[in-house]
Amino acid sequence: MRRFILTFACLLFFQTVHADCNEEAEQLRLNGEIEESINRLTACIDTELAHVARTYYQLGLANHEKGAYQTAIEHYTNAIAVEPDYGLAYASRGLTHGLSGDLEAALVDLERAIEINPNRMEPWYYRATLLEGAKKPDAAIADYGRAIELTTDRQQLALLHYKRGMLHQSMNARLLAISDLSAAIGQAPGLTEAWFARARLHHEIKELDAALADYSRVIELDNTNAEAYYQRATIYKKQRLDHLAIKDYNRALEIDPSLTRAYMGKGFTYLIPLIPVLLVLVLG
């Protein structure tokens, strides 16, 4: 019944657009070409229903973006009622269900979206994001991997590799994380977050030269990143480049005066060269 009501409303709405189509079909019927007339009318209905479904879908997207999730879900549902195999509508409704806290409904919709079109990147990515939030990292990593296989768009690849890399990082799989972050940087060299995350990982596994290079790149991209200056200063201090360490500590504090670790680091850096002198004074 709902499909019938929506179909009837759509036909009324598009009656002007349908005029030429109907006239063509009518002429075919008058010429005795009944099957051709029926086929023409059926094609007209299918075309206009597809337009209506897309309109509902776009309304869903717009309401999702403004945070009106329930309204977005209603529009996606209308799109699906008009076009039952509308995979993107299922995928988007699934994401919105998930962000609304209904993970079960979200996974049902995303599974249906994948079933309709397993070669679309979006449902795999949406499901990966929701599974990550649900603390199911192995399943999320698998879905991110499938999403990566299904796109050639550089920005999408950068985002997917970055998100999978950060998930690997959270699981202490540092080398896998570095590999993904490197792939993200390769696709989007200006992705500051990926450079910074990779720098931290290099730092953690004591690859100080690589970490130093990555922190420096972060600073080139964003010279207001106090944490990058602070972390680079700690490496300079380990390398006994005290003058560079102090310079970076000072810059970190200029950007963020509340970064107390930088005050402490700078103080120790000033103090370390004086320790031998103090020992001589104390011990005579």
C-alpha atoms as a PDB file:
ATOM      1  CA  MET A   1       0.000   0.000   0.000  1.00  0.00           C
ATOM      2  CA  ARG A   2       2.807   2.449   0.892  1.00  0.00           C
ATOM      3  CA  ARG A   3       4.520   1.766  -2.442  1.00  0.00           C
ATOM      4  CA  PHE A   4       1.225   2.402  -4.250  1.00  0.00           C
ATOM      5  CA  ILE A   5       0.633   5.696  -2.451  1.00  0.00           C
ATOM      6  CA  LEU A   6       4.167   6.905  -3.146  1.00  0.00           C
ATOM      7  CA  THR A   7       3.940   5.840  -6.772  1.00  0.00           C
ATOM      8  CA  PHE A   8       0.617   7.657  -7.236  1.00  0.00           C
ATOM      9  CA  ALA A   9       2.004  10.828  -5.640  1.00  0.00           C
ATOM     10  CA  CYS A  10       5.111  10.661  -7.808  1.00  0.00           C
ATOM     11  CA  LEU A  11       3.065  10.335 -10.976  1.00  0.00           C
ATOM     12  CA  LEU A  12       1.024  13.396 -10.059  1.00  0.00           C
ATOM     13  CA  PHE A  13       4.143  15.383  -9.244  1.00  0.00           C
ATOM     14  CA  PHE A  14       5.809  14.558 -12.511  1.00  0.00           C
ATOM     15  CA  GLN A  15       2.752  14.808 -14.736  1.00  0.00           C
ATOM     16  CA  THR A  16       4.284  17.679 -16.723  1.00  0.00           C
ATOM     17  CA  VAL A  17       7.504  15.769 -17.281  1.00  0.00           C
ATOM     18  CA  HIS A  18       5.479  12.732 -18.261  1.00  0.00           C
ATOM     19  CA  ALA A  19       3.480  14.608 -20.884  1.00  0.00           C
ATOM     20  CA  ASP A  20       5.820  13.842 -23.771  1.00  0.00           C
ATOM     21  CA  CYS A  21       6.288  10.285 -22.606  1.00  0.00           C
ATOM     22  CA  ASN A  22       2.556   9.694 -22.345  1.00  0.00           C
ATOM     23  CA  GLU A  23       1.922  11.259 -25.719  1.00  0.00           C
ATOM     24  CA  GLU A  24       4.512   8.990 -27.308  1.00  0.00           C
ATOM     25  CA  ALA A  25       2.964   5.957 -25.650  1.00  0.00           C
ATOM     26  CA  GLU A  26      -0.513   7.072 -26.684  1.00  0.00           C
ATOM     27  CA  GLN A  27       0.589   7.427 -30.280  1.00  0.00           C
ATOM     28  CA  LEU A  28       2.112   3.969 -30.190  1.00  0.00           C
ATOM     29  CA  ARG A  29      -1.153   2.551 -28.848  1.00  0.00           C
ATOM     30  CA  LEU A  30      -3.212   4.295 -31.521  1.00  0.00           C
ATOM     31  CA  ASN A  31      -0.895   2.832 -34.130  1.00  0.00           C
ATOM     32  CA  GLY A  32      -1.647  -0.602 -32.764  1.00  0.00           C
ATOM     33  CA  GLU A  33       1.817  -1.011 -31.215  1.00  0.00           C
ATOM     34  CA  ILE A  34       0.452  -2.072 -27.845  1.00  0.00           C
ATOM     35  CA  GLU A  35       3.533  -3.820 -26.425  1.00  0.00           C
ATOM     36  CA  GLU A  36       5.750  -0.902 -27.418  1.00  0.00           C
ATOM     37  CA  SER A  37       3.297   1.478 -25.743  1.00  0.00           C
ATOM     38  CA  ILE A  38       3.330  -0.542 -22.528  1.00  0.00           C
ATOM     39  CA  ASN A  39       7.113  -0.743 -22.554  1.00  0.00           C
ATOM     40  CA  ARG A  40       7.376   3.012 -23.050  1.00  0.00           C
ATOM     41  CA  LEU A  41       5.062   3.770 -20.138  1.00  0.00           C
ATOM     42  CA  THR A  42       6.830   1.291 -17.882  1.00  0.00           C
ATOM     43  CA  ALA A  43      10.162   2.906 -18.675  1.00  0.00           C
ATOM     44  CA  CYS A  44       8.690   6.326 -17.882  1.00  0.00           C
ATOM     45  CA  ILE A  45       7.485   5.170 -14.485  1.00  0.00           C
ATOM     46  CA  ASP A  46      10.811   3.527 -13.668  1.00  0.00           C
ATOM     47  CA  THR A  47      12.713   6.676 -14.652  1.00  0.00           C
ATOM     48  CA  GLU A  48      10.568   9.006 -12.584  1.00  0.00           C
ATOM     49  CA  LEU A  49      10.530   6.701  -9.579  1.00  0.00           C
ATOM     50  CA  ALA A  50      14.334   6.663  -9.722  1.00  0.00           C
ATOM     51  CA  HIS A  51      14.280  10.469  -9.685  1.00  0.00           C
ATOM     52  CA  VAL A  52      11.978  10.506  -6.668  1.00  0.00           C
ATOM     53  CA  ALA A  53      14.081   7.933  -4.835  1.00  0.00           C
ATOM     54  CA  ARG A  54      17.161  10.065  -5.421  1.00  0.00           C
ATOM     55  CA  THR A  55      15.330  13.142  -4.124  1.00  0.00           C
ATOM     56  CA  TYR A  56      14.456  11.317  -0.906  1.00  0.00           C
ATOM     57  CA  TYR A  57      18.056  10.108  -0.678  1.00  0.00           C
ATOM     58  CA  GLN A  58      19.414  13.644  -1.048  1.00  0.00           C
ATOM     59  CA  LEU A  59      16.978  14.842   1.625  1.00  0.00           C
ATOM     60  CA  GLY A  60      18.347  12.118   3.859  1.00  0.00           C
ATOM     61  CA  LEU A  61      21.918  13.235   3.275  1.00  0.00           C
ATOM     62  CA  ALA A  62      21.089  16.880   3.949  1.00  0.00           C
ATOM     63  CA  ASN A  63      19.286  16.081   7.194  1.00  0.00           C
ATOM     64  CA  HIS A  64      22.090  13.763   8.258  1.00  0.00           C
ATOM     65  CA  GLU A  65      24.621  16.551   7.758  1.00  0.00           C
ATOM     66  CA  LYS A  66      22.661  18.923   9.978  1.00  0.00           C
ATOM     67  CA  GLY A  67      22.335  16.259  12.665  1.00  0.00           C
ATOM     68  CA  ALA A  68      18.631  15.528  12.178  1.00  0.00           C
ATOM     69  CA  TYR A  69      19.225  11.800  12.188  1.00  0.00           C
ATOM     70  CA  GLN A  70      15.646  10.622  12.683  1.00  0.00           C
ATOM     71  CA  THR A  71      14.413  12.765   9.797  1.00  0.00           C
ATOM     72  CA  ALA A  72      17.293  11.499   7.660  1.00  0.00           C
ATOM     73  CA  ILE A  73      16.313   7.905   8.433  1.00  0.00           C
ATOM     74  CA  GLU A  74      12.730   8.629   7.390  1.00  0.00           C
ATOM     75  CA  HIS A  75      13.869  10.029   4.046  1.00  0.00           C
ATOM     76  CA  TYR A  76      16.184   7.087   3.407  1.00  0.00           C
ATOM     77  CA  THR A  77      13.285   4.781   4.220  1.00  0.00           C
ATOM     78  CA  ASN A  78      11.096   6.599   1.680  1.00  0.00           C
ATOM     79  CA  ALA A  79      13.833   6.243  -0.924  1.00  0.00           C
ATOM     80  CA  ILE A  80      13.971   2.511  -0.265  1.00  0.00           C
ATOM     81  CA  ALA A  81      10.164   2.230  -0.449  1.00  0.00           C
ATOM     82  CA  VAL A  82      10.268   3.740  -3.925  1.00  0.00           C
ATOM     83  CA  GLU A  83      13.413   1.875  -5.030  1.00  0.00           C
ATOM     84  CA  PRO A  84      13.806  -1.341  -2.979  1.00  0.00           C
ATOM     85  CA  ASP A  85      17.296  -2.087  -4.297  1.00  0.00           C
ATOM     86  CA  TYR A  86      18.715   1.356  -3.591  1.00  0.00           C
ATOM     87  CA  GLY A  87      22.016   0.225  -2.108  1.00  0.00           C
ATOM     88  CA  LEU A  88      23.345   3.663  -1.193  1.00  0.00           C
ATOM     89  CA  ALA A  89      20.140   4.467   0.679  1.00  0.00           C
ATOM     90  CA  TYR A  90      20.592   1.304   2.749  1.00  0.00           C
ATOM     91  CA  ALA A  91      24.246   2.182   3.361  1.00  0.00           C
ATOM     92  CA  SER A  92      23.478   5.746   4.421  1.00  0.00           C
ATOM     93  CA  ARG A  93      20.546   4.689   6.581  1.00  0.00           C
ATOM     94  CA  GLY A  94      22.817   2.122   8.187  1.00  0.00           C
ATOM     95  CA  LEU A  95      25.428   4.735   9.014  1.00  0.00           C
ATOM     96  CA  THR A  96      22.777   7.050  10.448  1.00  0.00           C
ATOM     97  CA  HIS A  97      21.308   4.235  12.552  1.00  0.00           C
ATOM     98  CA  GLY A  98      24.784   3.550  13.870  1.00  0.00           C
ATOM     99  CA  LEU A  99      25.443   7.164  14.770  1.00  0.00           C
ATOM    100  CA  SER A 100      22.057   7.225  16.485  1.00  0.00           C
ATOM    101  CA  GLY A 101      23.147   4.339  18.686  1.00  0.00           C
ATOM    102  CA  ASP A 102      21.236   1.516  16.997  1.00  0.00           C
ATOM    103  CA  LEU A 103      24.114  -0.725  15.952  1.00  0.00           C
ATOM    104  CA  GLU A 104      21.905  -3.732  15.271  1.00  0.00           C
ATOM    105  CA  ALA A 105      19.741  -1.868  12.739  1.00  0.00           C
ATOM    106  CA  ALA A 106      22.864  -0.305  11.248  1.00  0.00           C
ATOM    107  CA  LEU A 107      24.530  -3.656  10.604  1.00  0.00           C
ATOM    108  CA  VAL A 108      21.355  -5.080   9.040  1.00  0.00           C
ATOM    109  CA  ASP A 109      21.172  -2.147   6.608  1.00  0.00           C
ATOM    110  CA  LEU A 110      24.857  -2.283   5.752  1.00  0.00           C
ATOM    111  CA  GLU A 111      24.711  -6.009   5.149  1.00  0.00           C
ATOM    112  CA  ARG A 112      21.829  -5.401   2.748  1.00  0.00           C
ATOM    113  CA  ALA A 113      23.772  -2.626   1.006  1.00  0.00           C
ATOM    114  CA  ILE A 114      26.741  -4.966   0.535  1.00  0.00           C
ATOM    115  CA  GLU A 115      24.438  -7.710  -0.723  1.00  0.00           C
ATOM    116  CA  ILE A 116      22.941  -5.364  -3.344  1.00  0.00           C
ATOM    117  CA  ASN A 117      26.292  -4.083  -4.545  1.00  0.00           C
ATOM    118  CA  PRO A 118      29.353  -5.706  -2.985  1.00  0.00           C
ATOM    119  CA  ASN A 119      31.667  -3.582  -5.115  1.00  0.00           C
ATOM    120  CA  ARG A 120      30.665  -0.232  -3.624  1.00  0.00           C
ATOM    121  CA  MET A 121      33.237   1.152  -1.231  1.00  0.00           C
ATOM    122  CA  GLU A 122      30.839   3.112   1.006  1.00  0.00           C
ATOM    123  CA  PRO A 123      29.019   0.329   2.920  1.00  0.00           C
ATOM    124  CA  TRP A 124      32.292  -1.409   3.747  1.00  0.00           C
ATOM    125  CA  TYR A 125      33.749   1.864   5.024  1.00  0.00           C
ATOM    126  CA  TYR A 126      30.641   2.750   7.030  1.00  0.00           C
ATOM    127  CA  ARG A 127      30.544  -0.698   8.598  1.00  0.00           C
ATOM    128  CA  ALA A 128      34.250  -0.552   9.405  1.00  0.00           C
ATOM    129  CA  THR A 129      33.746   2.762  11.202  1.00  0.00           C
ATOM    130  CA  LEU A 130      30.826   1.429  13.239  1.00  0.00           C
ATOM    131  CA  LEU A 131      32.606  -1.824  14.085  1.00  0.00           C
ATOM    132  CA  GLU A 132      35.626   0.170  15.224  1.00  0.00           C
ATOM    133  CA  GLY A 133      33.397   2.213  17.504  1.00  0.00           C
ATOM    134  CA  ALA A 134      31.844  -1.006  18.811  1.00  0.00           C
ATOM    135  CA  LYS A 135      35.319  -2.258  19.845  1.00  0.00           C
ATOM    136  CA  LYS A 136      35.469  -4.955  17.179  1.00  0.00           C
ATOM    137  CA  PRO A 137      38.872  -4.085  15.717  1.00  0.00           C
ATOM    138  CA  ASP A 138      39.546  -7.276  13.751  1.00  0.00           C
ATOM    139  CA  ALA A 139      36.241  -7.028  11.866  1.00  0.00           C
ATOM    140  CA  ALA A 140      36.787  -3.299  11.318  1.00  0.00           C
ATOM    141  CA  ILE A 141      40.276  -3.876   9.898  1.00  0.00           C
ATOM    142  CA  ALA A 142      38.890  -6.466   7.485  1.00  0.00           C
ATOM    143  CA  ASP A 143      36.220  -4.038   6.260  1.00  0.00           C
ATOM    144  CA  TYR A 144      38.712  -1.188   5.896  1.00  0.00           C
ATOM    145  CA  GLY A 145      40.813  -3.549   3.805  1.00  0.00           C
ATOM    146  CA  ARG A 146      37.899  -4.368   1.530  1.00  0.00           C
ATOM    147  CA  ALA A 147      37.045  -0.670   1.177  1.00  0.00           C
ATOM    148  CA  ILE A 148      40.656   0.038   0.180  1.00  0.00           C
ATOM    149  CA  GLU A 149      40.398  -2.585  -2.553  1.00  0.00           C
ATOM    150  CA  LEU A 150      37.273  -0.948  -3.964  1.00  0.00           C
ATOM    151  CA  THR A 151      38.442   2.617  -4.569  1.00  0.00           C
ATOM    152  CA  THR A 152      41.083   4.359  -6.633  1.00  0.00           C
ATOM    153  CA  ASP A 153      40.284   7.838  -5.320  1.00  0.00           C
ATOM    154  CA  ARG A 154      43.412   9.238  -3.679  1.00  0.00           C
ATOM    155  CA  GLN A 155      41.625  11.136  -0.913  1.00  0.00           C
ATOM    156  CA  GLN A 156      39.494   8.127  -0.046  1.00  0.00           C
ATOM    157  CA  LEU A 157      42.544   5.866  -0.007  1.00  0.00           C
ATOM    158  CA  ALA A 158      44.392   8.293   2.245  1.00  0.00           C
ATOM    159  CA  LEU A 159      41.497   8.385   4.712  1.00  0.00           C
ATOM    160  CA  LEU A 160      41.022   4.615   4.711  1.00  0.00           C
ATOM    161  CA  HIS A 161      44.712   3.866   5.200  1.00  0.00           C
ATOM    162  CA  TYR A 162      44.928   6.512   7.929  1.00  0.00           C
ATOM    163  CA  LYS A 163      41.949   5.118   9.827  1.00  0.00           C
ATOM    164  CA  ARG A 164      43.184   1.536   9.519  1.00  0.00           C
ATOM    165  CA  GLY A 165      46.647   2.671  10.544  1.00  0.00           C
ATOM    166  CA  MET A 166      45.315   4.357  13.676  1.00  0.00           C
ATOM    167  CA  LEU A 167      43.364   1.208  14.494  1.00  0.00           C
ATOM    168  CA  HIS A 168      46.535  -0.866  14.105  1.00  0.00           C
ATOM    169  CA  GLN A 169      48.281   1.630  16.379  1.00  0.00           C
ATOM    170  CA  SER A 170      45.601   1.194  19.051  1.00  0.00           C
ATOM    171  CA  MET A 171      46.281  -2.558  18.909  1.00  0.00           C
ATOM    172  CA  ASN A 172      50.052  -2.011  19.267  1.00  0.00           C
ATOM    173  CA  ALA A 173      50.648  -3.395  15.765  1.00  0.00           C
ATOM    174  CA  ARG A 174      53.194  -0.650  15.153  1.00  0.00           C
ATOM    175  CA  LEU A 175      54.770  -1.894  11.932  1.00  0.00           C
ATOM    176  CA  LEU A 176      51.371  -2.438  10.309  1.00  0.00           C
ATOM    177  CA  ALA A 177      50.352   1.011  11.490  1.00  0.00           C
ATOM    178  CA  ILE A 178      53.481   2.592   9.992  1.00  0.00           C
ATOM    179  CA  SER A 179      52.803   0.800   6.702  1.00  0.00           C
ATOM    180  CA  ASP A 180      49.252   2.159   6.538  1.00  0.00           C
ATOM    181  CA  LEU A 181      50.253   5.662   7.560  1.00  0.00           C
ATOM    182  CA  SER A 182      52.972   5.653   4.916  1.00  0.00           C
ATOM    183  CA  ALA A 183      50.364   4.647   2.344  1.00  0.00           C
ATOM    184  CA  ALA A 184      48.103   7.468   3.533  1.00  0.00           C
ATOM    185  CA  ILE A 185      50.960   9.960   3.181  1.00  0.00           C
ATOM    186  CA  GLY A 186      51.697   8.629  -0.291  1.00  0.00           C
ATOM    187  CA  GLN A 187      48.120   9.363  -1.359  1.00  0.00           C
ATOM    188  CA  ALA A 188      47.805  12.697   0.480  1.00  0.00           C
ATOM    189  CA  PRO A 189      51.208  14.243   1.278  1.00  0.00           C
ATOM    190  CA  GLY A 190      49.553  17.128   3.099  1.00  0.00           C
ATOM    191  CA  LEU A 191      47.793  14.913   5.645  1.00  0.00           C
ATOM    192  CA  THR A 192      49.411  16.321   8.776  1.00  0.00           C
ATOM    193  CA  GLU A 193      47.710  13.830  11.088  1.00  0.00           C
ATOM    194  CA  ALA A 194      49.312  10.905   9.276  1.00  0.00           C
ATOM    195  CA  TRP A 195      52.804  12.426   9.479  1.00  0.00           C
ATOM    196  CA  PHE A 196      52.364  13.107  13.193  1.00  0.00           C
ATOM    197  CA  ALA A 197      51.017   9.636  13.959  1.00  0.00           C
ATOM    198  CA  ARG A 198      53.870   8.033  12.041  1.00  0.00           C
ATOM    199  CA  ALA A 199      56.386  10.248  13.845  1.00  0.00           C
ATOM    200  CA  ARG A 200      55.064   9.057  17.200  1.00  0.00           C
ATOM    201  CA  LEU A 201      55.332   5.428  16.119  1.00  0.00           C
ATOM    202  CA  HIS A 202      58.905   5.870  14.878  1.00  0.00           C
ATOM    203  CA  HIS A 203      59.657   7.580  18.181  1.00  0.00           C
ATOM    204  CA  GLU A 204      58.178   4.684  20.173  1.00  0.00           C
ATOM    205  CA  ILE A 205      60.294   2.074  18.406  1.00  0.00           C
ATOM    206  CA  LYS A 206      63.449   4.196  18.776  1.00  0.00           C
ATOM    207  CA  GLU A 207      63.817   5.067  15.092  1.00  0.00           C
ATOM    208  CA  LEU A 208      64.810   8.577  16.077  1.00  0.00           C
ATOM    209  CA  ASP A 209      66.057   9.845  12.724  1.00  0.00           C
ATOM    210  CA  ALA A 210      62.821   8.797  11.033  1.00  0.00           C
ATOM    211  CA  ALA A 211      60.799  10.321  13.862  1.00  0.00           C
ATOM    212  CA  LEU A 212      62.787  13.554  13.649  1.00  0.00           C
ATOM    213  CA  ALA A 213      62.154  13.792   9.901  1.00  0.00           C
ATOM    214  CA  ASP A 214      58.425  13.218  10.381  1.00  0.00           C
ATOM    215  CA  TYR A 215      58.098  15.759  13.206  1.00  0.00           C
ATOM    216  CA  SER A 216      59.913  18.279  11.032  1.00  0.00           C
ATOM    217  CA  ARG A 217      57.463  17.612   8.206  1.00  0.00           C
ATOM    218  CA  VAL A 218      54.556  18.123  10.596  1.00  0.00           C
ATOM    219  CA  ILE A 219      56.014  21.484  11.577  1.00  0.00           C
ATOM    220  CA  GLU A 220      56.425  22.440   7.917  1.00  0.00           C
ATOM    221  CA  LEU A 221      52.747  21.701   7.359  1.00  0.00           C
ATOM    222  CA  ASP A 222      51.551  23.256  10.617  1.00  0.00           C
ATOM    223  CA  ASN A 223      53.913  25.545  12.479  1.00  0.00           C
ATOM    224  CA  THR A 224      51.412  25.945  15.330  1.00  0.00           C
ATOM    225  CA  ASN A 225      51.628  22.303  16.434  1.00  0.00           C
ATOM    226  CA  ALA A 226      53.098  22.657  19.912  1.00  0.00           C
ATOM    227  CA  GLU A 227      53.261  18.913  20.492  1.00  0.00           C
ATOM    228  CA  ALA A 228      55.362  18.381  17.361  1.00  0.00           C
ATOM    229  CA  TYR A 229      57.870  20.987  18.555  1.00  0.00           C
ATOM    230  CA  TYR A 230      57.933  19.404  22.012  1.00  0.00           C
ATOM    231  CA  GLN A 231      58.478  15.890  20.693  1.00  0.00           C
ATOM    232  CA  ARG A 232      61.171  17.041  18.287  1.00  0.00           C
ATOM    233  CA  ALA A 233      62.887  18.808  21.178  1.00  0.00           C
ATOM    234  CA  THR A 234      63.022  15.554  23.145  1.00  0.00           C
ATOM    235  CA  ILE A 235      64.812  13.889  20.245  1.00  0.00           C
ATOM    236  CA  TYR A 236      67.246  16.780  19.873  1.00  0.00           C
ATOM    237  CA  LYS A 237      67.961  16.475  23.598  1.00  0.00           C
ATOM    238  CA  LYS A 238      68.703  12.731  23.222  1.00  0.00           C
ATOM    239  CA  GLN A 239      71.029  13.545  20.339  1.00  0.00           C
ATOM    240  CA  ARG A 240      72.749  16.172  22.531  1.00  0.00           C
ATOM    241  CA  LEU A 241      71.721  18.972  20.228  1.00  0.00           C
ATOM    242  CA  ASP A 242      70.788  21.088  23.224  1.00  0.00           C
ATOM    243  CA  HIS A 243      70.617  24.424  21.427  1.00  0.00           C
ATOM    244  CA  LEU A 244      68.046  23.003  18.981  1.00  0.00           C
ATOM    245  CA  ALA A 245      66.125  21.334  21.803  1.00  0.00           C
ATOM    246  CA  ILE A 246      65.863  24.592  23.749  1.00  0.00           C
ATOM    247  CA  LYS A 247      64.733  26.418  20.636  1.00  0.00           C
ATOM    248  CA  ASP A 248      61.930  23.902  20.083  1.00  0.00           C
ATOM    249  CA  TYR A 249      60.901  23.903  23.746  1.00  0.00           C
ATOM    250  CA  ASN A 250      60.629  27.683  23.588  1.00  0.00           C
ATOM    251  CA  ARG A 251      58.543  27.537  20.415  1.00  0.00           C
ATOM    252  CA  ALA A 252      56.241  24.918  21.952  1.00  0.00           C
ATOM    253  CA  LEU A 253      55.697  27.197  24.949  1.00  0.00           C
ATOM    254  CA  GLU A 254      55.034  30.212  22.745  1.00  0.00           C
ATOM    255  CA  ILE A 255      52.238  28.256  21.095  1.00  0.00           C
ATOM    256  CA  ASP A 256      50.923  26.613  24.256  1.00  0.00           C
ATOM    257  CA  PRO A 257      52.103  28.160  27.546  1.00  0.00           C
ATOM    258  CA  SER A 258      50.202  25.469  29.477  1.00  0.00           C
ATOM    259  CA  LEU A 259      52.489  22.719  28.116  1.00  0.00           C
ATOM    260  CA  THR A 260      54.293  22.171  31.414  1.00  0.00           C
ATOM    261  CA  ARG A 261      56.317  19.262  30.031  1.00  0.00           C
ATOM    262  CA  ALA A 262      58.142  21.744  27.817  1.00  0.00           C
ATOM    263  CA  TYR A 263      59.144  23.853  30.849  1.00  0.00           C
ATOM    264  CA  MET A 264      60.530  20.745  32.527  1.00  0.00           C
ATOM    265  CA  GLY A 265      62.315  19.560  29.401  1.00  0.00           C
ATOM    266  CA  LYS A 266      63.896  22.940  28.849  1.00  0.00           C
ATOM    267  CA  GLY A 267      64.999  23.108  32.487  1.00  0.00           C
ATOM    268  CA  PHE A 268      66.688  19.713  32.347  1.00  0.00           C
ATOM    269  CA  THR A 269      68.351  20.635  29.058  1.00  0.00           C
ATOM    270  CA  TYR A 270      69.877  23.718  30.689  1.00  0.00           C
ATOM    271  CA  LEU A 271      70.842  21.696  33.751  1.00  0.00           C
ATOM    272  CA  ILE A 272      72.530  18.684  32.164  1.00  0.00           C
ATOM    273  CA  PRO A 273      75.665  20.531  30.939  1.00  0.00           C
ATOM    274  CA  LEU A 274      76.136  21.968  34.445  1.00  0.00           C
ATOM    275  CA  ILE A 275      76.088  18.622  36.233  1.00  0.00           C
ATOM    276  CA  PRO A 276      79.864  17.934  35.864  1.00  0.00           C
ATOM    277  CA  VAL A 277      80.639  21.423  37.172  1.00  0.00           C
ATOM    278  CA  LEU A 278      78.289  20.983  40.129  1.00  0.00           C
ATOM    279  CA  LEU A 279      79.883  17.641  40.943  1.00  0.00           C
ATOM    280  CA  VAL A 280      83.320  19.216  40.996  1.00  0.00           C
ATOM    281  CA  LEU A 281      82.084  21.991  43.275  1.00  0.00           C
ATOM    282  CA  VAL A 282      80.375  19.579  45.622  1.00  0.00           C
ATOM    283  CA  LEU A 283      83.109  16.961  45.722  1.00  0.00           C
ATOM    284  CA  GLY A 284      85.925  19.441  45.711  1.00  0.00           C
END
